[in-house]
Amino acid sequence: MTTQDAAVQIEDSAWKTLYRTGGVAALIAALVFRRNIGAEISLSGAQMPPTTADGWFGLLQSSRFVGLAYLNLFDLVNYALLGLVFIALYIALRQIDRSATLIALSSGLVGVAAYFASNQVFAILALSNQYAAAAEADRAALLAAGEALLAIGSQGAGVYLGLFLVTLAALMFSVVMLRGGTFSRLTAYMGIVGNACIMCYFITLIFAPALTWLPHTAGAVPLVVWEVLAGLRLLKLASGD
C-alpha cells in the first residue's frame, strides 16, 4: 500500500465515523430529544409553566423533570445533536455545493452557540436550590436574580437568533439535497417543508403573536421524518452504501 492509499483509507475512515456520529445524533434528536417537549408535556395535561421566579423555583423542587422540560433543557441537547448532524451533512453534501453547505454549516454552529449562551436552565436550577435552602431574609435577592434570568431566557435575542440560524442551516442543507443523489427527494422535501414552517414562526411572532404555536405544530412531523430519513442515510454512508 502506498502512502497516498493509506492517507485515503484514513480519510475514508474519518468520514465514516462522522457519518455514523451524525446518523445516530439525528435519530436521537428525532425520537428522544425533540424540540418543544415542554409544549408536549403542557398539552398532555401536566402543570402549566409558571410565570414568576417563585413559581419556577417551586416547580423545580416539586417536579424537576417537568420544570427542566419547560426551561428547554431538552432543547440544549437537541441543538447539540443537530450540530453533529450538520457536520455530517456538510461532509456528505460538500461536493454538490461547497459554498452553500459551508454557509449552512457555519450558520448552524453559530446558532447552536447562540442558543447555548442564552439558555438559562442551569442558572435557574442553581438559584432554585439556593432558594430552597436559604433563610427568609435572603430569598428576596434570589427571587430578583431569578426574575432577571427569566427575562434573559424568554426575551433575549440569543434564543431567537439560535432558532433562526439553526433552522436556516437545516433548510439550506435540505435544498442542496435536491441537487444530488446522496439523499432521497423525500428527505429533501420533508426538510424544506418542516424548516419552512419553523421560519414562519418569526412572521407570526411579529404580526400574529397568538398564532406562534401554529408553525411549530405544522412543522413537527416533517422535521421528525427529515431527521429520521437523514439519520438512516448517514448510517448507510458510514457502512459504505
Protein backbone atom coordinates (compact mmCIF):
# COMPACT_ATOMS: atom_id res chain seq x y z
CA MET A 1 0.00 0.00 0.00
CA THR A 2 1.36 3.41 -0.97
CA THR A 3 1.43 6.42 1.32
CA GLN A 4 -1.33 8.03 -0.73
CA ASP A 5 -3.54 4.93 -0.46
CA ALA A 6 -3.01 4.86 3.30
CA ALA A 7 -3.97 8.54 3.55
CA VAL A 8 -7.15 7.94 1.53
CA GLN A 9 -8.06 4.98 3.75
CA ILE A 10 -7.59 7.07 6.90
CA GLU A 11 -9.70 9.88 5.41
CA ASP A 12 -12.48 7.45 4.44
CA SER A 13 -12.45 6.02 7.96
CA ALA A 14 -12.71 9.51 9.44
CA TRP A 15 -15.66 10.36 7.18
CA LYS A 16 -17.41 7.12 8.11
CA THR A 17 -17.02 7.97 11.78
CA LEU A 18 -18.56 11.39 11.16
CA TYR A 19 -21.42 9.87 9.16
CA ARG A 20 -22.09 7.34 11.91
CA THR A 21 -21.98 10.01 14.62
CA GLY A 22 -24.26 12.31 12.65
CA GLY A 23 -26.69 9.49 11.85
CA VAL A 24 -27.01 8.40 15.45
CA ALA A 25 -27.36 12.04 16.56
CA ALA A 26 -30.17 12.63 14.04
CA LEU A 27 -32.12 9.59 15.22
CA ILE A 28 -31.71 10.51 18.89
CA ALA A 29 -32.78 14.10 18.14
CA ALA A 30 -35.88 12.90 16.30
CA LEU A 31 -37.02 10.18 18.69
CA VAL A 32 -35.85 11.32 22.14
CA PHE A 33 -34.72 14.95 22.37
CA ARG A 34 -37.23 16.68 20.13
CA ARG A 35 -37.68 20.41 20.36
CA ASN A 36 -40.78 21.63 22.21
CA ILE A 37 -41.01 18.67 24.58
CA GLY A 38 -42.20 21.24 27.12
CA ALA A 39 -45.15 22.05 24.86
CA GLU A 40 -45.95 18.35 24.53
CA ILE A 41 -45.99 18.00 28.32
CA SER A 42 -48.28 21.02 28.59
CA LEU A 43 -50.72 19.56 26.06
CA SER A 44 -50.74 16.26 27.94
CA GLY A 45 -52.45 17.98 30.86
CA ALA A 46 -49.47 18.44 33.18
CA GLN A 47 -48.91 21.62 35.17
CA MET A 48 -48.70 24.77 33.05
CA PRO A 49 -45.40 26.72 33.02
CA PRO A 50 -45.09 29.26 35.86
CA THR A 51 -44.80 32.97 35.13
CA THR A 52 -42.74 34.09 38.13
CA ALA A 53 -39.39 33.13 39.63
CA ASP A 54 -41.15 31.96 42.77
CA GLY A 55 -43.32 29.64 40.69
CA TRP A 56 -40.33 28.26 38.79
CA PHE A 57 -38.38 27.61 41.99
CA GLY A 58 -41.33 25.75 43.44
CA LEU A 59 -41.87 23.67 40.28
CA LEU A 60 -38.19 22.71 40.10
CA GLN A 61 -38.33 21.49 43.69
CA SER A 62 -41.64 19.60 43.37
CA SER A 63 -41.34 18.24 39.81
CA ARG A 64 -37.82 18.70 38.50
CA PHE A 65 -38.34 16.85 35.20
CA VAL A 66 -41.33 18.98 34.20
CA GLY A 67 -39.57 22.17 35.27
CA LEU A 68 -36.43 21.36 33.29
CA ALA A 69 -38.52 20.44 30.26
CA TYR A 70 -40.35 23.78 30.41
CA LEU A 71 -36.99 25.56 30.74
CA ASN A 72 -35.88 23.88 27.49
CA LEU A 73 -33.17 21.62 28.88
CA PHE A 74 -34.05 19.14 26.13
CA ASP A 75 -33.60 21.88 23.53
CA LEU A 76 -29.98 22.20 24.65
CA VAL A 77 -29.44 18.51 23.93
CA ASN A 78 -31.34 18.81 20.65
CA TYR A 79 -29.21 21.72 19.46
CA ALA A 80 -26.00 19.89 20.37
CA LEU A 81 -27.15 16.83 18.43
CA LEU A 82 -28.10 18.99 15.44
CA GLY A 83 -24.60 20.46 15.46
CA LEU A 84 -23.23 16.93 14.93
CA VAL A 85 -25.81 16.29 12.20
CA PHE A 86 -24.83 19.49 10.39
CA ILE A 87 -21.16 18.49 10.36
CA ALA A 88 -22.03 15.11 8.86
CA LEU A 89 -24.35 16.70 6.28
CA TYR A 90 -21.62 19.12 5.26
CA ILE A 91 -19.22 16.23 4.59
CA ALA A 92 -21.90 14.33 2.65
CA LEU A 93 -23.08 17.29 0.55
CA ARG A 94 -19.99 19.48 0.15
CA GLN A 95 -19.18 18.17 -3.34
CA ILE A 96 -22.62 19.23 -4.59
CA ASP A 97 -22.34 22.86 -3.48
CA ARG A 98 -19.36 23.67 -1.31
CA SER A 99 -20.31 27.33 -0.78
CA ALA A 100 -23.92 26.69 0.24
CA THR A 101 -23.04 23.82 2.56
CA LEU A 102 -20.23 25.81 4.20
CA ILE A 103 -22.63 28.71 4.81
CA ALA A 104 -25.21 26.26 6.19
CA LEU A 105 -22.66 24.63 8.50
CA SER A 106 -21.41 28.00 9.76
CA SER A 107 -24.98 29.22 10.32
CA GLY A 108 -25.90 26.06 12.21
CA LEU A 109 -22.89 26.05 14.50
CA VAL A 110 -23.24 29.77 15.29
CA GLY A 111 -26.92 29.18 16.02
CA VAL A 112 -26.10 26.34 18.40
CA ALA A 113 -23.55 28.53 20.20
CA ALA A 114 -26.01 31.44 20.43
CA TYR A 115 -28.70 29.24 21.93
CA PHE A 116 -26.33 27.70 24.46
CA ALA A 117 -25.23 31.18 25.54
CA SER A 118 -28.84 32.30 26.06
CA ASN A 119 -30.42 29.27 27.73
CA GLN A 120 -30.61 29.87 31.48
CA VAL A 121 -31.82 26.47 32.67
CA PHE A 122 -28.81 25.57 34.81
CA ALA A 123 -28.54 29.03 36.34
CA ILE A 124 -32.22 28.99 37.31
CA LEU A 125 -31.89 25.46 38.69
CA ALA A 126 -28.96 26.57 40.83
CA LEU A 127 -30.95 29.54 42.14
CA SER A 128 -33.88 27.23 42.89
CA ASN A 129 -31.66 25.01 45.02
CA GLN A 130 -30.24 28.04 46.83
CA TYR A 131 -33.74 29.43 47.38
CA ALA A 132 -34.94 26.18 48.92
CA ALA A 133 -32.08 26.21 51.43
CA ALA A 134 -31.93 29.98 52.06
CA ALA A 135 -33.15 31.87 55.08
CA GLU A 136 -36.24 34.03 54.62
CA ALA A 137 -34.16 37.23 54.65
CA ASP A 138 -32.08 36.07 51.68
CA ARG A 139 -34.92 34.86 49.47
CA ALA A 140 -35.89 38.28 48.08
CA ALA A 141 -32.47 38.71 46.43
CA LEU A 142 -32.65 35.21 44.95
CA LEU A 143 -36.13 35.92 43.57
CA ALA A 144 -34.87 39.12 41.95
CA ALA A 145 -31.95 37.25 40.37
CA GLY A 146 -34.38 34.60 39.13
CA GLU A 147 -36.64 37.19 37.50
CA ALA A 148 -33.62 38.68 35.71
CA LEU A 149 -32.55 35.28 34.38
CA LEU A 150 -36.08 34.50 33.21
CA ALA A 151 -36.16 37.79 31.32
CA ILE A 152 -32.91 36.91 29.57
CA GLY A 153 -34.08 33.41 28.74
CA SER A 154 -37.52 34.37 27.42
CA GLN A 155 -36.79 37.74 25.83
CA GLY A 156 -33.09 37.58 24.97
CA ALA A 157 -32.16 37.86 21.31
CA GLY A 158 -29.89 34.81 21.54
CA VAL A 159 -32.83 32.39 21.82
CA TYR A 160 -34.45 33.72 18.65
CA LEU A 161 -31.12 34.07 16.83
CA GLY A 162 -30.21 30.49 17.68
CA LEU A 163 -33.52 29.14 16.40
CA PHE A 164 -33.33 31.23 13.21
CA LEU A 165 -29.76 30.24 12.32
CA VAL A 166 -30.26 26.54 13.07
CA THR A 167 -33.49 26.48 11.04
CA LEU A 168 -31.80 28.35 8.18
CA ALA A 169 -28.94 25.82 8.18
CA ALA A 170 -31.32 22.85 8.05
CA LEU A 171 -33.32 24.50 5.27
CA MET A 172 -30.20 25.15 3.20
CA PHE A 173 -28.96 21.59 3.62
CA SER A 174 -32.38 20.32 2.55
CA VAL A 175 -32.34 22.43 -0.62
CA VAL A 176 -28.87 21.13 -1.52
CA MET A 177 -30.17 17.57 -1.03
CA LEU A 178 -32.47 18.12 -4.02
CA ARG A 179 -29.50 18.73 -6.30
CA GLY A 180 -27.68 15.48 -5.69
CA GLY A 181 -28.47 11.81 -5.35
CA THR A 182 -26.91 11.30 -1.92
CA PHE A 183 -30.23 11.75 -0.12
CA SER A 184 -33.72 10.92 -1.35
CA ARG A 185 -36.01 13.61 -2.64
CA LEU A 186 -38.47 12.71 0.13
CA THR A 187 -35.80 13.55 2.70
CA ALA A 188 -35.16 16.88 0.99
CA TYR A 189 -38.84 17.78 0.73
CA MET A 190 -39.53 16.91 4.37
CA GLY A 191 -36.63 19.14 5.42
CA ILE A 192 -37.79 22.00 3.24
CA VAL A 193 -41.41 21.81 4.41
CA GLY A 194 -40.58 21.36 8.09
CA ASN A 195 -37.98 24.11 8.30
CA ALA A 196 -40.04 26.49 6.14
CA CYS A 197 -42.84 26.08 8.69
CA ILE A 198 -40.47 26.97 11.53
CA MET A 199 -39.32 30.03 9.58
CA CYS A 200 -42.96 31.17 9.57
CA TYR A 201 -42.74 31.33 13.36
CA PHE A 202 -40.84 34.60 13.07
CA ILE A 203 -43.60 36.06 10.87
CA THR A 204 -46.29 35.11 13.37
CA LEU A 205 -44.12 36.42 16.21
CA ILE A 206 -44.20 39.88 14.63
CA PHE A 207 -47.65 40.04 13.07
CA ALA A 208 -49.77 37.43 14.88
CA PRO A 209 -48.33 36.53 18.31
CA ALA A 210 -51.41 34.50 19.21
CA LEU A 211 -50.56 32.06 16.40
CA THR A 212 -46.91 31.39 17.26
CA TRP A 213 -47.86 27.81 18.20
CA LEU A 214 -49.03 27.06 14.65
CA PRO A 215 -45.69 26.94 12.75
CA HIS A 216 -44.11 24.59 15.30
CA THR A 217 -47.16 22.33 15.21
CA ALA A 218 -47.23 22.24 11.40
CA GLY A 219 -43.51 21.59 11.13
CA ALA A 220 -43.19 18.97 13.87
CA VAL A 221 -43.96 15.83 11.84
CA PRO A 222 -41.98 16.79 8.71
CA LEU A 223 -38.95 17.64 10.88
CA VAL A 224 -39.08 14.30 12.68
CA VAL A 225 -39.38 12.48 9.35
CA TRP A 226 -36.49 14.52 7.92
CA GLU A 227 -34.23 13.73 10.86
CA VAL A 228 -35.06 10.02 10.76
CA LEU A 229 -34.52 9.71 7.00
CA ALA A 230 -31.33 11.79 7.07
CA GLY A 231 -30.04 9.79 10.04
CA LEU A 232 -30.68 6.45 8.35
CA ARG A 233 -28.98 7.64 5.16
CA LEU A 234 -25.94 8.85 7.08
CA LEU A 235 -25.66 5.45 8.75
CA LYS A 236 -25.76 3.83 5.31
CA LEU A 237 -23.00 6.13 4.12
CA ALA A 238 -20.99 5.10 7.18
CA SER A 239 -21.31 1.47 6.11
CA GLY A 240 -20.14 2.31 2.59
CA ASP A 241 -23.51 2.11 0.79
